[in-house]
Amino acid sequence: MREAYHVELEQLAQHLAGMSAQVADAMEQATTALLDTDLALAEKVISNDAKVDDARAECEEQAYALLALQAPVATDLRTVLAAIHAAESLERMGDLALHVAKTARRRHPDPVLPEQVRTYFAQMGEVAVKLARQTQSVIQTKDVDAARSLESDDDQVDDLHRHLFTVIMDKDWPHGVAAAVDVTLLGRFYERYADHAVSVAKRMVFVVTGKMPGYGPDEDL
């Protein structure tokens, strides 16, 4: 019975890792759709979002079943509780990729991004996808040092996000209010996506150490 129980715990971790892969693919594709004005790719991200929602439901169902039937304690209990919270964060990451794809679709056939901010979004997209893939690895390995290293990559997204404001608030911004609103919202989507990836990694630190790393001022949003 105990062997079967630990197999179920491992399956739960693999489901979470699979969700990380899904949301990494979603943001990678959404970013390409945004930069390349690719309607077909945007539609693919939008239609695939239901699979992320289903994966969260499956993870939560499995986690609650383990709580009810196995009454886990210590590390096992932390694993199950972390899985519930991580599944929520991963689903939100999928939703943020969805928002990027919907923005690309809404403006099609026109590009969403003015030329002067394209590089920032290419960089934010690259780092965000890297964070999601690192999160997948951390879930699988429970490597505390690797989990803690995600914050430095998250800082890159924060820096790029802050710099976007200096660009759109410049008095010589020539692209109007609508473009400024799009850029502001899109920047926020990437910033929140990265924050949620770090949150998942911190849950894995909690599983291993029993201590929850500190949060920044808005990471609980």
N, C-alpha and C. Protein backbone atom coordinates (compact mmCIF):
# COMPACT_ATOMS: atom_id res chain seq x y z
N MET A 1 0.83 -1.21 0.00
CA MET A 1 0.00 0.00 0.00
C MET A 1 0.87 1.27 0.00
N ARG A 2 1.93 1.27 0.85
CA ARG A 2 2.77 2.46 0.92
C ARG A 2 3.49 2.70 -0.39
N GLU A 3 3.89 1.61 -1.05
CA GLU A 3 4.57 1.77 -2.33
C GLU A 3 3.63 2.40 -3.36
N ALA A 4 2.39 1.92 -3.37
CA ALA A 4 1.41 2.49 -4.30
C ALA A 4 1.16 3.96 -3.99
N TYR A 5 1.14 4.30 -2.70
CA TYR A 5 0.94 5.68 -2.26
C TYR A 5 2.05 6.59 -2.79
N HIS A 6 3.29 6.15 -2.68
CA HIS A 6 4.39 6.98 -3.15
C HIS A 6 4.43 7.06 -4.68
N VAL A 7 3.95 6.04 -5.34
CA VAL A 7 3.79 6.12 -6.79
C VAL A 7 2.79 7.21 -7.14
N GLU A 8 1.70 7.31 -6.37
CA GLU A 8 0.70 8.35 -6.62
C GLU A 8 1.28 9.74 -6.38
N LEU A 9 2.11 9.88 -5.35
CA LEU A 9 2.76 11.17 -5.11
C LEU A 9 3.67 11.55 -6.28
N GLU A 10 4.40 10.58 -6.80
CA GLU A 10 5.26 10.84 -7.94
C GLU A 10 4.45 11.20 -9.18
N GLN A 11 3.31 10.53 -9.36
CA GLN A 11 2.44 10.85 -10.49
C GLN A 11 1.92 12.28 -10.38
N LEU A 12 1.62 12.70 -9.16
CA LEU A 12 1.16 14.07 -8.94
C LEU A 12 2.23 15.06 -9.37
N ALA A 13 3.47 14.79 -8.98
CA ALA A 13 4.58 15.67 -9.39
C ALA A 13 4.74 15.69 -10.89
N GLN A 14 4.59 14.55 -11.53
CA GLN A 14 4.72 14.49 -12.99
C GLN A 14 3.59 15.26 -13.68
N HIS A 15 2.40 15.22 -13.10
CA HIS A 15 1.30 16.01 -13.68
C HIS A 15 1.62 17.50 -13.61
N LEU A 16 2.19 17.93 -12.47
CA LEU A 16 2.56 19.34 -12.35
C LEU A 16 3.66 19.71 -13.34
N ALA A 17 4.64 18.82 -13.49
CA ALA A 17 5.71 19.08 -14.46
C ALA A 17 5.13 19.18 -15.87
N GLY A 18 4.15 18.35 -16.16
CA GLY A 18 3.49 18.41 -17.46
C GLY A 18 2.76 19.72 -17.66
N MET A 19 2.14 20.23 -16.61
CA MET A 19 1.49 21.54 -16.70
C MET A 19 2.51 22.63 -16.99
N SER A 20 3.68 22.54 -16.35
CA SER A 20 4.73 23.54 -16.60
C SER A 20 5.14 23.53 -18.07
N ALA A 21 5.26 22.33 -18.64
CA ALA A 21 5.60 22.23 -20.05
C ALA A 21 4.51 22.84 -20.92
N GLN A 22 3.25 22.60 -20.55
CA GLN A 22 2.13 23.15 -21.31
C GLN A 22 2.16 24.68 -21.33
N VAL A 23 2.35 25.28 -20.14
CA VAL A 23 2.29 26.74 -20.09
C VAL A 23 3.55 27.37 -20.68
N ALA A 24 4.67 26.64 -20.65
CA ALA A 24 5.87 27.14 -21.35
C ALA A 24 5.62 27.18 -22.85
N ASP A 25 5.04 26.10 -23.38
CA ASP A 25 4.72 26.06 -24.82
C ASP A 25 3.72 27.16 -25.18
N ALA A 26 2.73 27.36 -24.28
CA ALA A 26 1.70 28.36 -24.55
C ALA A 26 2.31 29.76 -24.65
N MET A 27 3.19 30.11 -23.71
CA MET A 27 3.77 31.45 -23.76
C MET A 27 4.76 31.60 -24.92
N GLU A 28 5.47 30.53 -25.23
CA GLU A 28 6.38 30.58 -26.38
C GLU A 28 5.59 30.84 -27.66
N GLN A 29 4.49 30.13 -27.83
CA GLN A 29 3.66 30.29 -29.03
C GLN A 29 2.95 31.64 -29.03
N ALA A 30 2.48 32.07 -27.87
CA ALA A 30 1.78 33.36 -27.79
C ALA A 30 2.73 34.50 -28.13
N THR A 31 3.97 34.41 -27.66
CA THR A 31 4.95 35.45 -27.97
C THR A 31 5.26 35.48 -29.46
N THR A 32 5.40 34.33 -30.07
CA THR A 32 5.64 34.28 -31.51
C THR A 32 4.45 34.87 -32.26
N ALA A 33 3.24 34.53 -31.82
CA ALA A 33 2.04 35.08 -32.46
C ALA A 33 2.01 36.60 -32.33
N LEU A 34 2.43 37.10 -31.18
CA LEU A 34 2.45 38.55 -30.94
C LEU A 34 3.48 39.24 -31.83
N LEU A 35 4.67 38.68 -31.91
CA LEU A 35 5.75 39.31 -32.66
C LEU A 35 5.58 39.17 -34.17
N ASP A 36 5.01 38.04 -34.60
CA ASP A 36 4.90 37.75 -36.03
C ASP A 36 3.51 37.99 -36.60
N THR A 37 2.60 38.50 -35.78
CA THR A 37 1.20 38.70 -36.20
C THR A 37 0.65 37.41 -36.80
N ASP A 38 0.82 36.32 -36.08
CA ASP A 38 0.46 34.98 -36.55
C ASP A 38 -0.88 34.58 -35.94
N LEU A 39 -1.96 34.76 -36.71
CA LEU A 39 -3.29 34.49 -36.20
C LEU A 39 -3.50 33.02 -35.90
N ALA A 40 -3.01 32.15 -36.76
CA ALA A 40 -3.21 30.71 -36.56
C ALA A 40 -2.57 30.24 -35.26
N LEU A 41 -1.40 30.77 -34.96
CA LEU A 41 -0.71 30.37 -33.73
C LEU A 41 -1.43 30.94 -32.50
N ALA A 42 -1.93 32.17 -32.62
CA ALA A 42 -2.71 32.74 -31.52
C ALA A 42 -3.95 31.89 -31.24
N GLU A 43 -4.63 31.46 -32.30
CA GLU A 43 -5.82 30.62 -32.13
C GLU A 43 -5.47 29.29 -31.48
N LYS A 44 -4.30 28.76 -31.80
CA LYS A 44 -3.86 27.50 -31.21
C LYS A 44 -3.69 27.65 -29.70
N VAL A 45 -3.06 28.73 -29.28
CA VAL A 45 -2.88 28.97 -27.84
C VAL A 45 -4.24 29.10 -27.16
N ILE A 46 -5.15 29.82 -27.78
CA ILE A 46 -6.47 30.05 -27.20
C ILE A 46 -7.23 28.74 -27.05
N SER A 47 -7.21 27.92 -28.07
CA SER A 47 -7.95 26.65 -28.01
C SER A 47 -7.31 25.66 -27.04
N ASN A 48 -5.98 25.72 -26.89
CA ASN A 48 -5.30 24.77 -26.00
C ASN A 48 -5.41 25.15 -24.53
N ASP A 49 -5.91 26.34 -24.23
CA ASP A 49 -5.98 26.75 -22.83
C ASP A 49 -6.89 25.82 -22.02
N ALA A 50 -7.90 25.26 -22.64
CA ALA A 50 -8.80 24.35 -21.93
C ALA A 50 -8.04 23.13 -21.41
N LYS A 51 -6.99 22.73 -22.11
CA LYS A 51 -6.20 21.57 -21.67
C LYS A 51 -5.45 21.89 -20.37
N VAL A 52 -5.00 23.13 -20.23
CA VAL A 52 -4.34 23.55 -18.99
C VAL A 52 -5.35 23.54 -17.85
N ASP A 53 -6.55 24.04 -18.11
CA ASP A 53 -7.60 24.03 -17.09
C ASP A 53 -7.92 22.60 -16.66
N ASP A 54 -8.01 21.71 -17.62
CA ASP A 54 -8.29 20.30 -17.31
C ASP A 54 -7.16 19.69 -16.49
N ALA A 55 -5.92 20.05 -16.82
CA ALA A 55 -4.77 19.51 -16.09
C ALA A 55 -4.79 19.99 -14.63
N ARG A 56 -5.16 21.25 -14.41
CA ARG A 56 -5.27 21.73 -13.03
C ARG A 56 -6.35 20.95 -12.27
N ALA A 57 -7.48 20.75 -12.90
CA ALA A 57 -8.55 20.01 -12.24
C ALA A 57 -8.12 18.59 -11.89
N GLU A 58 -7.38 17.97 -12.79
CA GLU A 58 -6.90 16.61 -12.55
C GLU A 58 -5.91 16.58 -11.38
N CYS A 59 -4.98 17.56 -11.35
CA CYS A 59 -4.02 17.62 -10.26
C CYS A 59 -4.72 17.83 -8.92
N GLU A 60 -5.67 18.75 -8.90
CA GLU A 60 -6.36 19.03 -7.64
C GLU A 60 -7.18 17.83 -7.19
N GLU A 61 -7.84 17.16 -8.12
CA GLU A 61 -8.62 15.98 -7.76
C GLU A 61 -7.72 14.90 -7.15
N GLN A 62 -6.57 14.69 -7.75
CA GLN A 62 -5.64 13.69 -7.24
C GLN A 62 -5.10 14.09 -5.87
N ALA A 63 -4.79 15.38 -5.72
CA ALA A 63 -4.25 15.86 -4.44
C ALA A 63 -5.28 15.72 -3.32
N TYR A 64 -6.52 16.11 -3.58
CA TYR A 64 -7.55 16.01 -2.54
C TYR A 64 -7.85 14.55 -2.20
N ALA A 65 -7.77 13.68 -3.19
CA ALA A 65 -7.96 12.26 -2.92
C ALA A 65 -6.87 11.73 -2.00
N LEU A 66 -5.63 12.16 -2.23
CA LEU A 66 -4.53 11.73 -1.36
C LEU A 66 -4.72 12.26 0.06
N LEU A 67 -5.18 13.51 0.19
CA LEU A 67 -5.44 14.05 1.52
C LEU A 67 -6.52 13.25 2.24
N ALA A 68 -7.58 12.90 1.52
CA ALA A 68 -8.72 12.22 2.14
C ALA A 68 -8.42 10.76 2.48
N LEU A 69 -7.69 10.08 1.60
CA LEU A 69 -7.53 8.64 1.73
C LEU A 69 -6.24 8.22 2.43
N GLN A 70 -5.20 9.07 2.35
CA GLN A 70 -3.89 8.68 2.87
C GLN A 70 -3.46 9.46 4.12
N ALA A 71 -4.15 10.58 4.40
CA ALA A 71 -3.79 11.42 5.55
C ALA A 71 -2.28 11.63 5.65
N PRO A 72 -1.67 12.22 4.63
CA PRO A 72 -0.20 12.38 4.62
C PRO A 72 0.27 13.31 5.73
N VAL A 73 1.51 13.12 6.15
CA VAL A 73 2.12 13.97 7.17
C VAL A 73 3.51 14.38 6.69
N ALA A 74 4.07 15.38 7.39
CA ALA A 74 5.44 15.83 7.14
C ALA A 74 5.67 16.15 5.66
N THR A 75 6.74 15.62 5.07
CA THR A 75 7.10 15.96 3.70
C THR A 75 5.99 15.59 2.72
N ASP A 76 5.34 14.46 2.94
CA ASP A 76 4.27 14.05 2.03
C ASP A 76 3.11 15.04 2.06
N LEU A 77 2.78 15.53 3.25
CA LEU A 77 1.71 16.53 3.36
C LEU A 77 2.11 17.82 2.65
N ARG A 78 3.36 18.24 2.85
CA ARG A 78 3.82 19.45 2.16
C ARG A 78 3.76 19.27 0.65
N THR A 79 4.10 18.08 0.18
CA THR A 79 4.06 17.80 -1.26
C THR A 79 2.66 17.98 -1.82
N VAL A 80 1.67 17.44 -1.12
CA VAL A 80 0.29 17.52 -1.60
C VAL A 80 -0.22 18.96 -1.56
N LEU A 81 0.04 19.65 -0.44
CA LEU A 81 -0.41 21.04 -0.33
C LEU A 81 0.28 21.93 -1.35
N ALA A 82 1.57 21.71 -1.55
CA ALA A 82 2.30 22.50 -2.55
C ALA A 82 1.74 22.25 -3.95
N ALA A 83 1.35 21.00 -4.22
CA ALA A 83 0.81 20.67 -5.53
C ALA A 83 -0.48 21.43 -5.81
N ILE A 84 -1.32 21.56 -4.78
CA ILE A 84 -2.59 22.28 -4.96
C ILE A 84 -2.32 23.75 -5.30
N HIS A 85 -1.40 24.37 -4.56
CA HIS A 85 -1.08 25.78 -4.82
C HIS A 85 -0.35 25.95 -6.15
N ALA A 86 0.55 25.02 -6.46
CA ALA A 86 1.32 25.12 -7.70
C ALA A 86 0.41 24.98 -8.92
N ALA A 87 -0.56 24.07 -8.83
CA ALA A 87 -1.49 23.88 -9.96
C ALA A 87 -2.26 25.17 -10.24
N GLU A 88 -2.62 25.88 -9.18
CA GLU A 88 -3.31 27.15 -9.36
C GLU A 88 -2.42 28.17 -10.06
N SER A 89 -1.16 28.27 -9.61
CA SER A 89 -0.24 29.23 -10.24
C SER A 89 0.03 28.87 -11.70
N LEU A 90 0.18 27.58 -11.97
CA LEU A 90 0.44 27.16 -13.35
C LEU A 90 -0.76 27.44 -14.25
N GLU A 91 -1.96 27.25 -13.72
CA GLU A 91 -3.14 27.57 -14.53
C GLU A 91 -3.19 29.07 -14.83
N ARG A 92 -2.81 29.89 -13.85
CA ARG A 92 -2.78 31.34 -14.08
C ARG A 92 -1.74 31.70 -15.14
N MET A 93 -0.61 31.00 -15.14
CA MET A 93 0.39 31.22 -16.18
C MET A 93 -0.21 30.92 -17.55
N GLY A 94 -0.97 29.84 -17.64
CA GLY A 94 -1.66 29.54 -18.90
C GLY A 94 -2.62 30.63 -19.30
N ASP A 95 -3.34 31.18 -18.30
CA ASP A 95 -4.28 32.27 -18.59
C ASP A 95 -3.56 33.51 -19.09
N LEU A 96 -2.38 33.79 -18.54
CA LEU A 96 -1.63 34.97 -18.97
C LEU A 96 -1.11 34.81 -20.40
N ALA A 97 -0.68 33.59 -20.75
CA ALA A 97 -0.31 33.33 -22.15
C ALA A 97 -1.54 33.48 -23.05
N LEU A 98 -2.67 33.03 -22.55
CA LEU A 98 -3.93 33.19 -23.29
C LEU A 98 -4.23 34.67 -23.55
N HIS A 99 -4.01 35.53 -22.55
CA HIS A 99 -4.27 36.96 -22.72
C HIS A 99 -3.36 37.55 -23.81
N VAL A 100 -2.11 37.10 -23.83
CA VAL A 100 -1.19 37.58 -24.88
C VAL A 100 -1.71 37.17 -26.25
N ALA A 101 -2.13 35.91 -26.37
CA ALA A 101 -2.63 35.41 -27.66
C ALA A 101 -3.90 36.14 -28.07
N LYS A 102 -4.78 36.42 -27.12
CA LYS A 102 -6.02 37.13 -27.45
C LYS A 102 -5.74 38.56 -27.90
N THR A 103 -4.72 39.17 -27.31
CA THR A 103 -4.36 40.52 -27.75
C THR A 103 -3.86 40.49 -29.19
N ALA A 104 -3.04 39.49 -29.51
CA ALA A 104 -2.55 39.36 -30.89
C ALA A 104 -3.72 39.14 -31.85
N ARG A 105 -4.69 38.33 -31.42
CA ARG A 105 -5.84 38.05 -32.29
C ARG A 105 -6.72 39.29 -32.45
N ARG A 106 -6.90 40.03 -31.38
CA ARG A 106 -7.80 41.19 -31.42
C ARG A 106 -7.30 42.25 -32.40
N ARG A 107 -5.99 42.43 -32.49
CA ARG A 107 -5.43 43.48 -33.35
C ARG A 107 -5.15 43.00 -34.78
N HIS A 108 -5.24 41.70 -35.01
CA HIS A 108 -4.93 41.16 -36.34
C HIS A 108 -5.86 41.76 -37.39
N PRO A 109 -5.39 42.11 -38.59
CA PRO A 109 -4.06 41.81 -39.15
C PRO A 109 -2.98 42.85 -38.81
N ASP A 110 -3.34 43.83 -37.99
CA ASP A 110 -2.34 44.84 -37.63
C ASP A 110 -1.44 44.29 -36.52
N PRO A 111 -0.18 44.68 -36.51
CA PRO A 111 0.69 44.28 -35.40
C PRO A 111 0.29 45.01 -34.12
N VAL A 112 0.44 44.35 -32.99
CA VAL A 112 0.12 44.98 -31.71
C VAL A 112 1.23 45.91 -31.27
N LEU A 113 2.48 45.50 -31.50
CA LEU A 113 3.62 46.19 -30.90
C LEU A 113 4.26 47.18 -31.86
N PRO A 114 4.44 48.41 -31.43
CA PRO A 114 5.29 49.32 -32.19
C PRO A 114 6.71 48.78 -32.27
N GLU A 115 7.39 49.12 -33.32
CA GLU A 115 8.73 48.58 -33.55
C GLU A 115 9.69 48.84 -32.39
N GLN A 116 9.56 49.98 -31.74
CA GLN A 116 10.53 50.34 -30.71
C GLN A 116 10.41 49.52 -29.42
N VAL A 117 9.31 48.75 -29.26
CA VAL A 117 9.20 47.91 -28.05
C VAL A 117 9.26 46.42 -28.36
N ARG A 118 9.38 46.05 -29.62
CA ARG A 118 9.40 44.63 -29.98
C ARG A 118 10.53 43.87 -29.29
N THR A 119 11.70 44.48 -29.22
CA THR A 119 12.85 43.80 -28.61
C THR A 119 12.59 43.48 -27.15
N TYR A 120 11.93 44.40 -26.44
CA TYR A 120 11.65 44.17 -25.03
C TYR A 120 10.74 42.95 -24.85
N PHE A 121 9.74 42.84 -25.72
CA PHE A 121 8.82 41.71 -25.58
C PHE A 121 9.45 40.40 -26.04
N ALA A 122 10.30 40.48 -27.02
CA ALA A 122 11.04 39.26 -27.40
C ALA A 122 11.88 38.76 -26.24
N GLN A 123 12.52 39.69 -25.53
CA GLN A 123 13.36 39.31 -24.40
C GLN A 123 12.52 38.81 -23.23
N MET A 124 11.42 39.51 -22.94
CA MET A 124 10.56 39.07 -21.83
C MET A 124 9.96 37.70 -22.12
N GLY A 125 9.57 37.48 -23.37
CA GLY A 125 9.03 36.18 -23.74
C GLY A 125 10.06 35.08 -23.57
N GLU A 126 11.28 35.36 -23.99
CA GLU A 126 12.34 34.36 -23.89
C GLU A 126 12.61 33.99 -22.42
N VAL A 127 12.70 35.00 -21.57
CA VAL A 127 12.97 34.73 -20.16
C VAL A 127 11.79 34.05 -19.49
N ALA A 128 10.57 34.47 -19.83
CA ALA A 128 9.39 33.86 -19.23
C ALA A 128 9.30 32.37 -19.56
N VAL A 129 9.56 32.03 -20.80
CA VAL A 129 9.54 30.61 -21.21
C VAL A 129 10.65 29.85 -20.50
N LYS A 130 11.81 30.46 -20.40
CA LYS A 130 12.92 29.82 -19.68
C LYS A 130 12.54 29.54 -18.23
N LEU A 131 11.87 30.49 -17.58
CA LEU A 131 11.44 30.29 -16.20
C LEU A 131 10.47 29.12 -16.08
N ALA A 132 9.53 29.03 -17.01
CA ALA A 132 8.57 27.93 -16.96
C ALA A 132 9.25 26.58 -17.14
N ARG A 133 10.23 26.53 -18.03
CA ARG A 133 10.94 25.26 -18.25
C ARG A 133 11.85 24.93 -17.05
N GLN A 134 12.42 25.94 -16.43
CA GLN A 134 13.18 25.71 -15.21
C GLN A 134 12.27 25.21 -14.10
N THR A 135 11.07 25.75 -14.04
CA THR A 135 10.10 25.30 -13.04
C THR A 135 9.76 23.83 -13.24
N GLN A 136 9.60 23.44 -14.49
CA GLN A 136 9.34 22.02 -14.78
C GLN A 136 10.46 21.15 -14.22
N SER A 137 11.70 21.56 -14.44
CA SER A 137 12.84 20.80 -13.94
C SER A 137 12.87 20.76 -12.41
N VAL A 138 12.57 21.90 -11.78
CA VAL A 138 12.59 21.96 -10.32
C VAL A 138 11.53 21.03 -9.72
N ILE A 139 10.36 20.98 -10.34
CA ILE A 139 9.31 20.08 -9.86
C ILE A 139 9.79 18.63 -9.92
N GLN A 140 10.48 18.30 -10.99
CA GLN A 140 10.93 16.92 -11.18
C GLN A 140 12.09 16.57 -10.26
N THR A 141 12.99 17.52 -10.00
CA THR A 141 14.22 17.22 -9.26
C THR A 141 14.16 17.65 -7.80
N LYS A 142 13.28 18.62 -7.50
CA LYS A 142 13.23 19.23 -6.16
C LYS A 142 14.60 19.78 -5.76
N ASP A 143 15.26 20.39 -6.72
CA ASP A 143 16.57 20.99 -6.52
C ASP A 143 16.38 22.39 -5.92
N VAL A 144 16.69 22.53 -4.64
CA VAL A 144 16.45 23.78 -3.94
C VAL A 144 17.28 24.92 -4.52
N ASP A 145 18.55 24.67 -4.81
CA ASP A 145 19.40 25.72 -5.38
C ASP A 145 18.88 26.19 -6.73
N ALA A 146 18.44 25.25 -7.56
CA ALA A 146 17.88 25.61 -8.86
C ALA A 146 16.61 26.43 -8.68
N ALA A 147 15.79 26.04 -7.70
CA ALA A 147 14.55 26.79 -7.43
C ALA A 147 14.86 28.22 -7.04
N ARG A 148 15.85 28.39 -6.18
CA ARG A 148 16.19 29.74 -5.72
C ARG A 148 16.80 30.58 -6.84
N SER A 149 17.42 29.94 -7.81
CA SER A 149 18.07 30.69 -8.89
C SER A 149 17.06 31.34 -9.84
N LEU A 150 15.80 30.90 -9.79
CA LEU A 150 14.80 31.47 -10.68
C LEU A 150 14.59 32.95 -10.43
N GLU A 151 14.83 33.40 -9.22
CA GLU A 151 14.55 34.80 -8.90
C GLU A 151 15.42 35.76 -9.69
N SER A 152 16.64 35.35 -10.02
CA SER A 152 17.51 36.25 -10.79
C SER A 152 16.97 36.45 -12.21
N ASP A 153 16.40 35.37 -12.79
CA ASP A 153 15.79 35.51 -14.10
C ASP A 153 14.51 36.34 -14.02
N ASP A 154 13.76 36.16 -12.94
CA ASP A 154 12.56 36.97 -12.75
C ASP A 154 12.91 38.45 -12.67
N ASP A 155 14.04 38.75 -12.07
CA ASP A 155 14.48 40.16 -11.98
C ASP A 155 14.68 40.76 -13.38
N GLN A 156 15.12 39.94 -14.34
CA GLN A 156 15.29 40.44 -15.71
C GLN A 156 13.96 40.89 -16.28
N VAL A 157 12.92 40.09 -16.04
CA VAL A 157 11.58 40.46 -16.53
C VAL A 157 11.11 41.74 -15.85
N ASP A 158 11.34 41.85 -14.55
CA ASP A 158 10.93 43.06 -13.82
C ASP A 158 11.65 44.29 -14.38
N ASP A 159 12.94 44.15 -14.67
CA ASP A 159 13.70 45.29 -15.21
C ASP A 159 13.16 45.71 -16.58
N LEU A 160 12.90 44.73 -17.43
CA LEU A 160 12.35 45.04 -18.75
C LEU A 160 10.97 45.67 -18.63
N HIS A 161 10.17 45.16 -17.72
CA HIS A 161 8.82 45.70 -17.51
C HIS A 161 8.88 47.15 -17.07
N ARG A 162 9.79 47.45 -16.13
CA ARG A 162 9.92 48.83 -15.67
C ARG A 162 10.40 49.74 -16.80
N HIS A 163 11.31 49.23 -17.62
CA HIS A 163 11.84 50.06 -18.70
C HIS A 163 10.76 50.38 -19.73
N LEU A 164 9.81 49.48 -19.92
CA LEU A 164 8.72 49.76 -20.85
C LEU A 164 7.98 51.03 -20.48
N PHE A 165 7.82 51.27 -19.18
CA PHE A 165 7.11 52.47 -18.74
C PHE A 165 7.85 53.73 -19.13
N THR A 166 9.18 53.68 -19.07
CA THR A 166 9.93 54.87 -19.47
C THR A 166 9.75 55.14 -20.96
N VAL A 167 9.56 54.08 -21.75
CA VAL A 167 9.37 54.25 -23.19
C VAL A 167 8.01 54.85 -23.49
N ILE A 168 6.95 54.26 -22.91
CA ILE A 168 5.60 54.72 -23.27
C ILE A 168 5.23 56.04 -22.59
N MET A 169 5.92 56.39 -21.50
CA MET A 169 5.64 57.67 -20.84
C MET A 169 6.46 58.82 -21.40
N ASP A 170 7.36 58.51 -22.32
CA ASP A 170 8.16 59.57 -22.94
C ASP A 170 7.25 60.53 -23.68
N LYS A 171 7.52 61.80 -23.56
CA LYS A 171 6.67 62.82 -24.20
C LYS A 171 6.68 62.70 -25.71
N ASP A 172 7.69 62.01 -26.26
CA ASP A 172 7.77 61.86 -27.71
C ASP A 172 7.19 60.53 -28.20
N TRP A 173 6.50 59.79 -27.32
CA TRP A 173 5.83 58.55 -27.74
C TRP A 173 4.87 58.86 -28.88
N PRO A 174 5.07 58.28 -30.06
CA PRO A 174 4.30 58.70 -31.23
C PRO A 174 3.11 57.80 -31.58
N HIS A 175 2.84 56.78 -30.76
CA HIS A 175 1.91 55.73 -31.20
C HIS A 175 0.51 55.82 -30.60
N GLY A 176 0.24 56.83 -29.79
CA GLY A 176 -1.09 57.05 -29.28
C GLY A 176 -1.42 56.24 -28.03
N VAL A 177 -2.63 56.50 -27.53
CA VAL A 177 -3.07 55.92 -26.26
C VAL A 177 -3.34 54.43 -26.39
N ALA A 178 -3.99 53.99 -27.46
CA ALA A 178 -4.35 52.58 -27.61
C ALA A 178 -3.12 51.69 -27.59
N ALA A 179 -2.09 52.10 -28.30
CA ALA A 179 -0.86 51.31 -28.32
C ALA A 179 -0.20 51.31 -26.94
N ALA A 180 -0.25 52.44 -26.25
CA ALA A 180 0.33 52.51 -24.91
C ALA A 180 -0.40 51.58 -23.94
N VAL A 181 -1.71 51.51 -24.07
CA VAL A 181 -2.50 50.62 -23.22
C VAL A 181 -2.15 49.16 -23.50
N ASP A 182 -2.07 48.82 -24.78
CA ASP A 182 -1.70 47.44 -25.15
C ASP A 182 -0.33 47.06 -24.57
N VAL A 183 0.63 47.94 -24.73
CA VAL A 183 1.98 47.66 -24.24
C VAL A 183 1.98 47.52 -22.72
N THR A 184 1.24 48.39 -22.05
CA THR A 184 1.17 48.33 -20.59
C THR A 184 0.59 47.00 -20.12
N LEU A 185 -0.52 46.60 -20.71
CA LEU A 185 -1.17 45.35 -20.30
C LEU A 185 -0.31 44.14 -20.63
N LEU A 186 0.26 44.13 -21.81
CA LEU A 186 1.10 43.00 -22.20
C LEU A 186 2.32 42.88 -21.29
N GLY A 187 2.93 44.00 -20.95
CA GLY A 187 4.05 43.96 -20.03
C GLY A 187 3.65 43.37 -18.69
N ARG A 188 2.47 43.72 -18.23
CA ARG A 188 1.98 43.18 -16.97
C ARG A 188 1.75 41.67 -17.07
N PHE A 189 1.24 41.20 -18.21
CA PHE A 189 1.02 39.76 -18.38
C PHE A 189 2.34 38.98 -18.23
N TYR A 190 3.38 39.49 -18.86
CA TYR A 190 4.67 38.79 -18.77
C TYR A 190 5.24 38.86 -17.36
N GLU A 191 5.10 40.00 -16.73
CA GLU A 191 5.63 40.14 -15.37
C GLU A 191 4.93 39.18 -14.41
N ARG A 192 3.62 39.09 -14.50
CA ARG A 192 2.87 38.20 -13.61
C ARG A 192 3.18 36.73 -13.92
N TYR A 193 3.33 36.41 -15.19
CA TYR A 193 3.69 35.04 -15.58
C TYR A 193 4.99 34.63 -14.89
N ALA A 194 5.99 35.50 -14.96
CA ALA A 194 7.27 35.20 -14.33
C ALA A 194 7.13 35.07 -12.83
N ASP A 195 6.34 35.94 -12.21
CA ASP A 195 6.13 35.87 -10.76
C ASP A 195 5.51 34.53 -10.35
N HIS A 196 4.56 34.05 -11.14
CA HIS A 196 3.92 32.78 -10.80
C HIS A 196 4.90 31.61 -10.95
N ALA A 197 5.78 31.68 -11.93
CA ALA A 197 6.80 30.64 -12.07
C ALA A 197 7.68 30.59 -10.82
N VAL A 198 8.08 31.75 -10.33
CA VAL A 198 8.88 31.81 -9.11
C VAL A 198 8.09 31.27 -7.92
N SER A 199 6.80 31.59 -7.88
CA SER A 199 5.96 31.09 -6.79
C SER A 199 5.93 29.56 -6.76
N VAL A 200 5.82 28.94 -7.93
CA VAL A 200 5.83 27.47 -7.99
C VAL A 200 7.16 26.94 -7.47
N ALA A 201 8.25 27.56 -7.90
CA ALA A 201 9.58 27.12 -7.44
C ALA A 201 9.69 27.23 -5.93
N LYS A 202 9.15 28.30 -5.37
CA LYS A 202 9.19 28.46 -3.91
C LYS A 202 8.39 27.38 -3.20
N ARG A 203 7.32 26.93 -3.82
CA ARG A 203 6.55 25.81 -3.24
C ARG A 203 7.41 24.56 -3.17
N MET A 204 8.27 24.36 -4.14
CA MET A 204 9.14 23.19 -4.13
C MET A 204 10.20 23.31 -3.03
N VAL A 205 10.69 24.53 -2.78
CA VAL A 205 11.60 24.74 -1.66
C VAL A 205 10.90 24.39 -0.35
N PHE A 206 9.65 24.79 -0.24
CA PHE A 206 8.85 24.48 0.95
C PHE A 206 8.72 22.97 1.15
N VAL A 207 8.51 22.24 0.06
CA VAL A 207 8.40 20.78 0.15
C VAL A 207 9.66 20.19 0.76
N VAL A 208 10.80 20.65 0.30
CA VAL A 208 12.08 20.05 0.72
C VAL A 208 12.49 20.51 2.11
N THR A 209 12.33 21.82 2.39
CA THR A 209 12.89 22.38 3.62
C THR A 209 11.87 22.57 4.73
N GLY A 210 10.59 22.60 4.37
CA GLY A 210 9.57 22.89 5.37
C GLY A 210 9.42 24.37 5.66
N LYS A 211 10.18 25.22 4.95
CA LYS A 211 10.09 26.66 5.14
C LYS A 211 9.75 27.33 3.82
N MET A 212 8.84 28.30 3.91
CA MET A 212 8.42 29.01 2.71
C MET A 212 9.30 30.23 2.51
N PRO A 213 10.01 30.33 1.38
CA PRO A 213 10.83 31.52 1.14
C PRO A 213 9.99 32.77 1.14
N GLY A 214 10.62 33.91 1.42
CA GLY A 214 9.89 35.16 1.47
C GLY A 214 9.39 35.59 0.11
N TYR A 215 8.33 36.37 0.12
CA TYR A 215 7.73 36.91 -1.10
C TYR A 215 8.03 38.38 -1.23
N GLY A 216 8.06 38.81 -2.48
CA GLY A 216 8.16 40.23 -2.76
C GLY A 216 6.85 40.93 -2.43
N PRO A 217 6.78 42.25 -2.61
CA PRO A 217 5.63 43.01 -2.17
C PRO A 217 4.33 42.67 -2.87
N ASP A 218 4.38 42.15 -4.11
CA ASP A 218 3.11 41.90 -4.80
C ASP A 218 3.00 40.48 -5.31
N GLU A 219 3.80 39.54 -4.80
CA GLU A 219 3.79 38.19 -5.35
C GLU A 219 2.57 37.39 -4.92
N ASP A 220 1.79 37.90 -3.95
CA ASP A 220 0.61 37.17 -3.55
C ASP A 220 -0.62 37.60 -4.34
N LEU A 221 -0.45 38.49 -5.30
CA LEU A 221 -1.58 39.00 -6.08
C LEU A 221 -2.06 37.97 -7.07
